[in-house]
């Protein structure tokens, strides 16, 4: 397993680059975007340009309805005992979905079942135990929602970036325990990247400065449990 660390500001950019690189691979023809909802990560133009079969999967039909009409959409509960997601996939991914999953073991078993032998899954997600994310988990949802609307008012439920309850189960930085969890499902863990820091203190300059210094120190001396974000790349054995 390749393990590495960086600053939070690189997490989403690097993950998007990973997705697009897989989509350009001539051996990857069918891609599943799980939990895509209103915000698929690959645009209709990109999908058409690279001639891939790109499928959006989400438990919410109303969220899928907000996504571009050009994409194929499947309503699916990835925590059900089994999932009918159509033909097998070469590559599936999630971004900011895993933290909302109540039953991660069931979820990942369904992901494994969707993949062709040798197929890969990639997941990008916020992690415990960064303080704002820990509070998001332990405080009542109404308090968290009110605070988030002050910090990020564009996250209104009727919009494209709705706020949903978060549980953070199996959402941790690179660790032996995390690797064992994924291997116990049947995956090979190919890469695990952890990122430190966040932007929740941007309106509080003293805290923002302290957080940036702490994040830079943790990149030099990483502690997996203190990551704020991570992504993992998994493979179904051939």
C-alpha atoms as a PDB file:
ATOM      1  CA  UNK A   1       0.000   0.000   0.000  1.00  0.00           C
ATOM      2  CA  UNK A   2       1.306   3.409  -0.987  1.00  0.00           C
ATOM      3  CA  UNK A   3       0.759   5.896   1.858  1.00  0.00           C
ATOM      4  CA  UNK A   4       1.350   9.632   1.695  1.00  0.00           C
ATOM      5  CA  UNK A   5       0.277  12.899   3.318  1.00  0.00           C
ATOM      6  CA  UNK A   6      -0.351  16.498   2.288  1.00  0.00           C
ATOM      7  CA  UNK A   7      -2.268  19.691   3.032  1.00  0.00           C
ATOM      8  CA  UNK A   8      -6.062  19.747   2.786  1.00  0.00           C
ATOM      9  CA  UNK A   9      -6.009  22.270  -0.061  1.00  0.00           C
ATOM     10  CA  UNK A  10      -4.591  19.592  -2.379  1.00  0.00           C
ATOM     11  CA  UNK A  11      -7.059  16.838  -1.461  1.00  0.00           C
ATOM     12  CA  UNK A  12      -9.931  17.622  -3.845  1.00  0.00           C
ATOM     13  CA  UNK A  13      -7.655  18.648  -6.731  1.00  0.00           C
ATOM     14  CA  UNK A  14      -5.619  15.447  -6.534  1.00  0.00           C
ATOM     15  CA  UNK A  15      -8.733  13.300  -6.294  1.00  0.00           C
ATOM     16  CA  UNK A  16     -10.298  14.954  -9.335  1.00  0.00           C
ATOM     17  CA  UNK A  17      -7.073  14.344 -11.242  1.00  0.00           C
ATOM     18  CA  UNK A  18      -7.241  10.678 -10.190  1.00  0.00           C
ATOM     19  CA  UNK A  19     -10.810  10.372 -11.513  1.00  0.00           C
ATOM     20  CA  UNK A  20     -10.001  11.978 -14.836  1.00  0.00           C
ATOM     21  CA  UNK A  21      -6.868   9.879 -15.278  1.00  0.00           C
ATOM     22  CA  UNK A  22      -8.914   6.695 -14.799  1.00  0.00           C
ATOM     23  CA  UNK A  23     -11.543   7.929 -17.254  1.00  0.00           C
ATOM     24  CA  UNK A  24      -8.826   8.479 -19.882  1.00  0.00           C
ATOM     25  CA  UNK A  25      -7.504   4.930 -19.440  1.00  0.00           C
ATOM     26  CA  UNK A  26      -8.524   2.942 -22.560  1.00  0.00           C
ATOM     27  CA  UNK A  27      -9.155  -0.095 -20.345  1.00  0.00           C
ATOM     28  CA  UNK A  28     -11.767   1.802 -18.294  1.00  0.00           C
ATOM     29  CA  UNK A  29     -15.024   1.911 -20.225  1.00  0.00           C
ATOM     30  CA  UNK A  30     -17.720   1.806 -17.518  1.00  0.00           C
ATOM     31  CA  UNK A  31     -17.609   4.178 -14.523  1.00  0.00           C
ATOM     32  CA  UNK A  32     -19.972   4.454 -11.558  1.00  0.00           C
ATOM     33  CA  UNK A  33     -20.278   7.700  -9.564  1.00  0.00           C
ATOM     34  CA  UNK A  34     -21.854   6.551  -6.269  1.00  0.00           C
ATOM     35  CA  UNK A  35     -23.660   9.148  -4.188  1.00  0.00           C
ATOM     36  CA  UNK A  36     -23.405  11.516  -7.130  1.00  0.00           C
ATOM     37  CA  UNK A  37     -26.708  13.206  -6.359  1.00  0.00           C
ATOM     38  CA  UNK A  38     -26.882  16.670  -7.885  1.00  0.00           C
ATOM     39  CA  UNK A  39     -23.125  16.971  -8.401  1.00  0.00           C
ATOM     40  CA  UNK A  40     -21.508  14.402 -10.716  1.00  0.00           C
ATOM     41  CA  UNK A  41     -17.735  14.759 -10.866  1.00  0.00           C
ATOM     42  CA  UNK A  42     -17.404  14.266 -14.616  1.00  0.00           C
ATOM     43  CA  UNK A  43     -19.137  16.679 -16.958  1.00  0.00           C
ATOM     44  CA  UNK A  44     -21.253  15.563 -19.937  1.00  0.00           C
ATOM     45  CA  UNK A  45     -18.647  17.085 -22.287  1.00  0.00           C
ATOM     46  CA  UNK A  46     -15.801  15.155 -20.604  1.00  0.00           C
ATOM     47  CA  UNK A  47     -17.795  11.910 -20.749  1.00  0.00           C
ATOM     48  CA  UNK A  48     -18.613  12.410 -24.426  1.00  0.00           C
ATOM     49  CA  UNK A  49     -15.032  13.340 -25.282  1.00  0.00           C
ATOM     50  CA  UNK A  50     -13.627  10.151 -23.719  1.00  0.00           C
ATOM     51  CA  UNK A  51     -16.523   7.906 -24.764  1.00  0.00           C
ATOM     52  CA  UNK A  52     -17.097   6.248 -21.387  1.00  0.00           C
ATOM     53  CA  UNK A  53     -20.258   4.707 -19.998  1.00  0.00           C
ATOM     54  CA  UNK A  54     -20.772   6.983 -16.983  1.00  0.00           C
ATOM     55  CA  UNK A  55     -23.520   6.085 -14.501  1.00  0.00           C
ATOM     56  CA  UNK A  56     -24.739   8.160 -11.544  1.00  0.00           C
ATOM     57  CA  UNK A  57     -26.018   6.158  -8.558  1.00  0.00           C
ATOM     58  CA  UNK A  58     -27.765   7.648  -5.543  1.00  0.00           C
ATOM     59  CA  UNK A  59     -30.391   6.663  -2.979  1.00  0.00           C
ATOM     60  CA  UNK A  60     -32.254   9.926  -3.631  1.00  0.00           C
ATOM     61  CA  UNK A  61     -34.227  10.230  -6.841  1.00  0.00           C
ATOM     62  CA  UNK A  62     -34.836  13.929  -6.132  1.00  0.00           C
ATOM     63  CA  UNK A  63     -31.090  14.624  -5.840  1.00  0.00           C
ATOM     64  CA  UNK A  64     -30.361  12.724  -9.057  1.00  0.00           C
ATOM     65  CA  UNK A  65     -33.012  14.818 -10.784  1.00  0.00           C
ATOM     66  CA  UNK A  66     -30.826  17.902 -10.169  1.00  0.00           C
ATOM     67  CA  UNK A  67     -27.917  16.357 -12.134  1.00  0.00           C
ATOM     68  CA  UNK A  68     -27.467  16.973 -15.891  1.00  0.00           C
ATOM     69  CA  UNK A  69     -30.044  15.088 -17.934  1.00  0.00           C
ATOM     70  CA  UNK A  70     -27.355  13.737 -20.297  1.00  0.00           C
ATOM     71  CA  UNK A  71     -26.067  11.304 -17.638  1.00  0.00           C
ATOM     72  CA  UNK A  72     -27.423   7.801 -17.016  1.00  0.00           C
ATOM     73  CA  UNK A  73     -28.966   7.618 -13.531  1.00  0.00           C
ATOM     74  CA  UNK A  74     -29.789   4.687 -11.234  1.00  0.00           C
ATOM     75  CA  UNK A  75     -31.585   4.984  -7.901  1.00  0.00           C
ATOM     76  CA  UNK A  76     -29.784   2.549  -5.594  1.00  0.00           C
ATOM     77  CA  UNK A  77     -29.448   1.942  -1.854  1.00  0.00           C
ATOM     78  CA  UNK A  78     -25.821   0.939  -1.461  1.00  0.00           C
ATOM     79  CA  UNK A  79     -26.437  -0.248   2.114  1.00  0.00           C
ATOM     80  CA  UNK A  80     -29.077  -2.795   1.080  1.00  0.00           C
ATOM     81  CA  UNK A  81     -28.265  -6.540   1.276  1.00  0.00           C
ATOM     82  CA  UNK A  82     -27.640  -6.448  -2.485  1.00  0.00           C
ATOM     83  CA  UNK A  83     -27.733  -3.864  -5.251  1.00  0.00           C
ATOM     84  CA  UNK A  84     -28.718  -4.088  -8.910  1.00  0.00           C
ATOM     85  CA  UNK A  85     -26.410  -1.519 -10.487  1.00  0.00           C
ATOM     86  CA  UNK A  86     -26.495  -2.877 -14.033  1.00  0.00           C
ATOM     87  CA  UNK A  87     -23.477  -4.265 -15.862  1.00  0.00           C
ATOM     88  CA  UNK A  88     -20.153  -4.633 -13.959  1.00  0.00           C
ATOM     89  CA  UNK A  89     -17.929  -1.564 -13.688  1.00  0.00           C
ATOM     90  CA  UNK A  90     -14.249  -1.009 -14.419  1.00  0.00           C
ATOM     91  CA  UNK A  91     -14.072   1.871 -11.945  1.00  0.00           C
ATOM     92  CA  UNK A  92     -16.391   3.307  -9.303  1.00  0.00           C
ATOM     93  CA  UNK A  93     -15.865   6.229  -6.955  1.00  0.00           C
ATOM     94  CA  UNK A  94     -17.384   8.434  -4.280  1.00  0.00           C
ATOM     95  CA  UNK A  95     -16.611  11.940  -3.135  1.00  0.00           C
ATOM     96  CA  UNK A  96     -17.937  13.186   0.222  1.00  0.00           C
ATOM     97  CA  UNK A  97     -20.295  10.230   0.463  1.00  0.00           C
ATOM     98  CA  UNK A  98     -18.720   7.768   2.893  1.00  0.00           C
ATOM     99  CA  UNK A  99     -19.239  10.027   5.916  1.00  0.00           C
ATOM    100  CA  UNK A 100     -23.012   9.688   5.408  1.00  0.00           C
ATOM    101  CA  UNK A 101     -23.011   5.875   5.382  1.00  0.00           C
ATOM    102  CA  UNK A 102     -24.493   4.119   8.435  1.00  0.00           C
ATOM    103  CA  UNK A 103     -23.350   0.594   7.452  1.00  0.00           C
ATOM    104  CA  UNK A 104     -19.924   0.867   5.795  1.00  0.00           C
ATOM    105  CA  UNK A 105     -19.346  -2.897   5.668  1.00  0.00           C
ATOM    106  CA  UNK A 106     -22.546  -3.420   3.652  1.00  0.00           C
ATOM    107  CA  UNK A 107     -21.696  -0.436   1.457  1.00  0.00           C
ATOM    108  CA  UNK A 108     -18.202  -1.630   0.573  1.00  0.00           C
ATOM    109  CA  UNK A 109     -19.357  -5.202  -0.055  1.00  0.00           C
ATOM    110  CA  UNK A 110     -21.831  -3.836  -2.587  1.00  0.00           C
ATOM    111  CA  UNK A 111     -19.094  -1.742  -4.197  1.00  0.00           C
ATOM    112  CA  UNK A 112     -16.907  -4.854  -4.486  1.00  0.00           C
ATOM    113  CA  UNK A 113     -19.774  -6.767  -6.109  1.00  0.00           C
ATOM    114  CA  UNK A 114     -20.210  -4.032  -8.736  1.00  0.00           C
ATOM    115  CA  UNK A 115     -16.616  -4.235  -9.958  1.00  0.00           C
ATOM    116  CA  UNK A 116     -15.165  -6.444 -12.623  1.00  0.00           C
ATOM    117  CA  UNK A 117     -12.201  -8.562 -11.478  1.00  0.00           C
ATOM    118  CA  UNK A 118      -9.267  -6.157 -11.450  1.00  0.00           C
ATOM    119  CA  UNK A 119     -11.631  -3.172 -11.259  1.00  0.00           C
ATOM    120  CA  UNK A 120     -10.903  -0.295  -8.893  1.00  0.00           C
ATOM    121  CA  UNK A 121     -12.803   1.881  -6.436  1.00  0.00           C
ATOM    122  CA  UNK A 122     -11.676   5.287  -5.180  1.00  0.00           C
ATOM    123  CA  UNK A 123     -13.192   7.201  -2.267  1.00  0.00           C
ATOM    124  CA  UNK A 124     -12.524  10.748  -1.061  1.00  0.00           C
ATOM    125  CA  UNK A 125     -13.962  11.761   2.307  1.00  0.00           C
ATOM    126  CA  UNK A 126     -13.578  13.968   5.400  1.00  0.00           C
ATOM    127  CA  UNK A 127     -12.179  12.163   8.439  1.00  0.00           C
ATOM    128  CA  UNK A 128     -12.241  12.147  12.196  1.00  0.00           C
ATOM    129  CA  UNK A 129     -10.708  13.549  14.358  1.00  0.00           C
ATOM    130  CA  UNK A 130     -10.353  17.091  13.029  1.00  0.00           C
ATOM    131  CA  UNK A 131     -12.258  19.259  15.531  1.00  0.00           C
ATOM    132  CA  UNK A 132     -14.963  20.746  13.251  1.00  0.00           C
ATOM    133  CA  UNK A 133     -15.705  17.318  11.779  1.00  0.00           C
ATOM    134  CA  UNK A 134     -15.836  15.691  15.207  1.00  0.00           C
ATOM    135  CA  UNK A 135     -18.345  18.336  16.324  1.00  0.00           C
ATOM    136  CA  UNK A 136     -20.353  17.619  13.178  1.00  0.00           C
ATOM    137  CA  UNK A 137     -20.631  14.038  14.367  1.00  0.00           C
ATOM    138  CA  UNK A 138     -21.465  14.539  18.055  1.00  0.00           C
ATOM    139  CA  UNK A 139     -23.622  17.683  18.115  1.00  0.00           C
ATOM    140  CA  UNK A 140     -27.368  17.613  17.340  1.00  0.00           C
ATOM    141  CA  UNK A 141     -28.022  17.928  13.616  1.00  0.00           C
ATOM    142  CA  UNK A 142     -30.092  21.117  14.029  1.00  0.00           C
ATOM    143  CA  UNK A 143     -27.176  22.912  15.719  1.00  0.00           C
ATOM    144  CA  UNK A 144     -24.680  21.719  13.108  1.00  0.00           C
ATOM    145  CA  UNK A 145     -27.003  22.747  10.277  1.00  0.00           C
ATOM    146  CA  UNK A 146     -27.517  26.236  11.741  1.00  0.00           C
ATOM    147  CA  UNK A 147     -23.765  26.740  12.163  1.00  0.00           C
ATOM    148  CA  UNK A 148     -23.013  25.484   8.649  1.00  0.00           C
ATOM    149  CA  UNK A 149     -25.586  27.822   7.100  1.00  0.00           C
ATOM    150  CA  UNK A 150     -23.699  30.742   8.680  1.00  0.00           C
ATOM    151  CA  UNK A 151     -20.337  29.542   7.375  1.00  0.00           C
ATOM    152  CA  UNK A 152     -21.487  28.069   4.036  1.00  0.00           C
ATOM    153  CA  UNK A 153     -24.946  29.508   3.182  1.00  0.00           C
ATOM    154  CA  UNK A 154     -24.845  27.933  -0.301  1.00  0.00           C
ATOM    155  CA  UNK A 155     -25.416  24.523   1.356  1.00  0.00           C
ATOM    156  CA  UNK A 156     -29.202  25.063   1.586  1.00  0.00           C
ATOM    157  CA  UNK A 157     -31.129  21.793   1.209  1.00  0.00           C
ATOM    158  CA  UNK A 158     -33.028  22.867  -1.871  1.00  0.00           C
ATOM    159  CA  UNK A 159     -29.791  23.693  -3.712  1.00  0.00           C
ATOM    160  CA  UNK A 160     -27.136  21.543  -5.332  1.00  0.00           C
ATOM    161  CA  UNK A 161     -24.889  21.307  -2.236  1.00  0.00           C
ATOM    162  CA  UNK A 162     -27.331  20.087   0.402  1.00  0.00           C
ATOM    163  CA  UNK A 163     -26.241  19.249   3.956  1.00  0.00           C
ATOM    164  CA  UNK A 164     -26.966  15.657   5.031  1.00  0.00           C
ATOM    165  CA  UNK A 165     -26.386  13.929   8.409  1.00  0.00           C
ATOM    166  CA  UNK A 166     -22.839  12.608   8.815  1.00  0.00           C
ATOM    167  CA  UNK A 167     -21.719   9.537  10.796  1.00  0.00           C
ATOM    168  CA  UNK A 168     -18.018   9.212   9.820  1.00  0.00           C
ATOM    169  CA  UNK A 169     -17.980   5.423  10.187  1.00  0.00           C
ATOM    170  CA  UNK A 170     -14.784   3.994   8.667  1.00  0.00           C
ATOM    171  CA  UNK A 171     -13.758   7.575   7.812  1.00  0.00           C
ATOM    172  CA  UNK A 172     -10.224   7.768   9.120  1.00  0.00           C
ATOM    173  CA  UNK A 173      -6.776   8.550   7.807  1.00  0.00           C
ATOM    174  CA  UNK A 174      -4.297   5.889   6.651  1.00  0.00           C
ATOM    175  CA  UNK A 175      -3.836   3.278   9.375  1.00  0.00           C
ATOM    176  CA  UNK A 176      -3.342  -0.461   9.774  1.00  0.00           C
ATOM    177  CA  UNK A 177      -6.875  -0.791  11.126  1.00  0.00           C
ATOM    178  CA  UNK A 178      -8.361   0.918   8.090  1.00  0.00           C
ATOM    179  CA  UNK A 179      -6.339  -1.270   5.739  1.00  0.00           C
ATOM    180  CA  UNK A 180      -7.523  -4.407   7.569  1.00  0.00           C
ATOM    181  CA  UNK A 181     -11.145  -3.239   7.251  1.00  0.00           C
ATOM    182  CA  UNK A 182     -10.928  -2.927   3.477  1.00  0.00           C
ATOM    183  CA  UNK A 183      -8.920  -6.120   3.093  1.00  0.00           C
ATOM    184  CA  UNK A 184     -11.517  -7.923   5.214  1.00  0.00           C
ATOM    185  CA  UNK A 185     -14.131  -6.993   2.602  1.00  0.00           C
ATOM    186  CA  UNK A 186     -11.944  -8.496  -0.128  1.00  0.00           C
ATOM    187  CA  UNK A 187     -10.136  -5.455  -1.553  1.00  0.00           C
ATOM    188  CA  UNK A 188      -6.477  -4.822  -2.176  1.00  0.00           C
ATOM    189  CA  UNK A 189      -5.511  -1.388  -0.824  1.00  0.00           C
ATOM    190  CA  UNK A 190      -3.512   0.326  -3.568  1.00  0.00           C
ATOM    191  CA  UNK A 191      -3.082   3.861  -2.246  1.00  0.00           C
ATOM    192  CA  UNK A 192      -4.125   5.772   0.876  1.00  0.00           C
ATOM    193  CA  UNK A 193      -3.564   9.524   1.126  1.00  0.00           C
ATOM    194  CA  UNK A 194      -4.215  11.630   4.223  1.00  0.00           C
ATOM    195  CA  UNK A 195      -4.527  15.420   4.353  1.00  0.00           C
ATOM    196  CA  UNK A 196      -4.244  17.819   7.280  1.00  0.00           C
ATOM    197  CA  UNK A 197      -5.997  21.140   7.892  1.00  0.00           C
ATOM    198  CA  UNK A 198      -9.290  22.691   6.767  1.00  0.00           C
ATOM    199  CA  UNK A 199     -10.919  26.035   5.971  1.00  0.00           C
ATOM    200  CA  UNK A 200     -13.585  26.155   8.697  1.00  0.00           C
ATOM    201  CA  UNK A 201     -11.659  28.851  10.574  1.00  0.00           C
ATOM    202  CA  UNK A 202     -11.208  31.186   7.617  1.00  0.00           C
ATOM    203  CA  UNK A 203     -13.389  33.888   9.225  1.00  0.00           C
ATOM    204  CA  UNK A 204     -11.416  33.705  12.494  1.00  0.00           C
ATOM    205  CA  UNK A 205      -7.854  34.843  11.608  1.00  0.00           C
ATOM    206  CA  UNK A 206      -6.072  33.742  14.838  1.00  0.00           C
ATOM    207  CA  UNK A 207      -7.543  30.233  14.640  1.00  0.00           C
ATOM    208  CA  UNK A 208      -6.911  30.088  10.897  1.00  0.00           C
ATOM    209  CA  UNK A 209      -3.229  30.889  11.394  1.00  0.00           C
ATOM    210  CA  UNK A 210      -2.847  28.357  14.213  1.00  0.00           C
ATOM    211  CA  UNK A 211      -4.619  25.668  12.167  1.00  0.00           C
ATOM    212  CA  UNK A 212      -2.346  26.267   9.165  1.00  0.00           C
ATOM    213  CA  UNK A 213       0.775  25.962  11.333  1.00  0.00           C
ATOM    214  CA  UNK A 214      -0.519  22.751  12.901  1.00  0.00           C
ATOM    215  CA  UNK A 215      -1.381  21.275   9.500  1.00  0.00           C
ATOM    216  CA  UNK A 216       2.092  22.036   8.129  1.00  0.00           C
ATOM    217  CA  UNK A 217       3.693  20.386  11.167  1.00  0.00           C
ATOM    218  CA  UNK A 218       1.509  17.299  10.795  1.00  0.00           C
ATOM    219  CA  UNK A 219       2.496  16.881   7.150  1.00  0.00           C
ATOM    220  CA  UNK A 220       6.115  16.705   8.330  1.00  0.00           C
ATOM    221  CA  UNK A 221       5.275  14.417  11.253  1.00  0.00           C
ATOM    222  CA  UNK A 222       1.999  12.690  10.302  1.00  0.00           C
ATOM    223  CA  UNK A 223      -0.472  11.292  12.811  1.00  0.00           C
ATOM    224  CA  UNK A 224      -3.143   9.353  10.852  1.00  0.00           C
ATOM    225  CA  UNK A 225      -5.895   9.973  13.416  1.00  0.00           C
ATOM    226  CA  UNK A 226      -5.534  13.757  13.013  1.00  0.00           C
ATOM    227  CA  UNK A 227      -6.183  13.960   9.271  1.00  0.00           C
ATOM    228  CA  UNK A 228      -9.078  16.122   8.089  1.00  0.00           C
ATOM    229  CA  UNK A 229      -9.535  14.480   4.684  1.00  0.00           C
ATOM    230  CA  UNK A 230      -8.372  11.322   2.947  1.00  0.00           C
ATOM    231  CA  UNK A 231      -8.763   9.305  -0.176  1.00  0.00           C
ATOM    232  CA  UNK A 232      -8.216   5.621  -0.759  1.00  0.00           C
ATOM    233  CA  UNK A 233      -7.865   3.572  -3.944  1.00  0.00           C
ATOM    234  CA  UNK A 234      -8.987  -0.061  -3.735  1.00  0.00           C
ATOM    235  CA  UNK A 235      -8.862  -2.931  -6.222  1.00  0.00           C
ATOM    236  CA  UNK A 236     -10.933  -6.083  -6.605  1.00  0.00           C
ATOM    237  CA  UNK A 237      -8.399  -8.885  -7.085  1.00  0.00           C
ATOM    238  CA  UNK A 238      -8.280 -10.169 -10.658  1.00  0.00           C
END
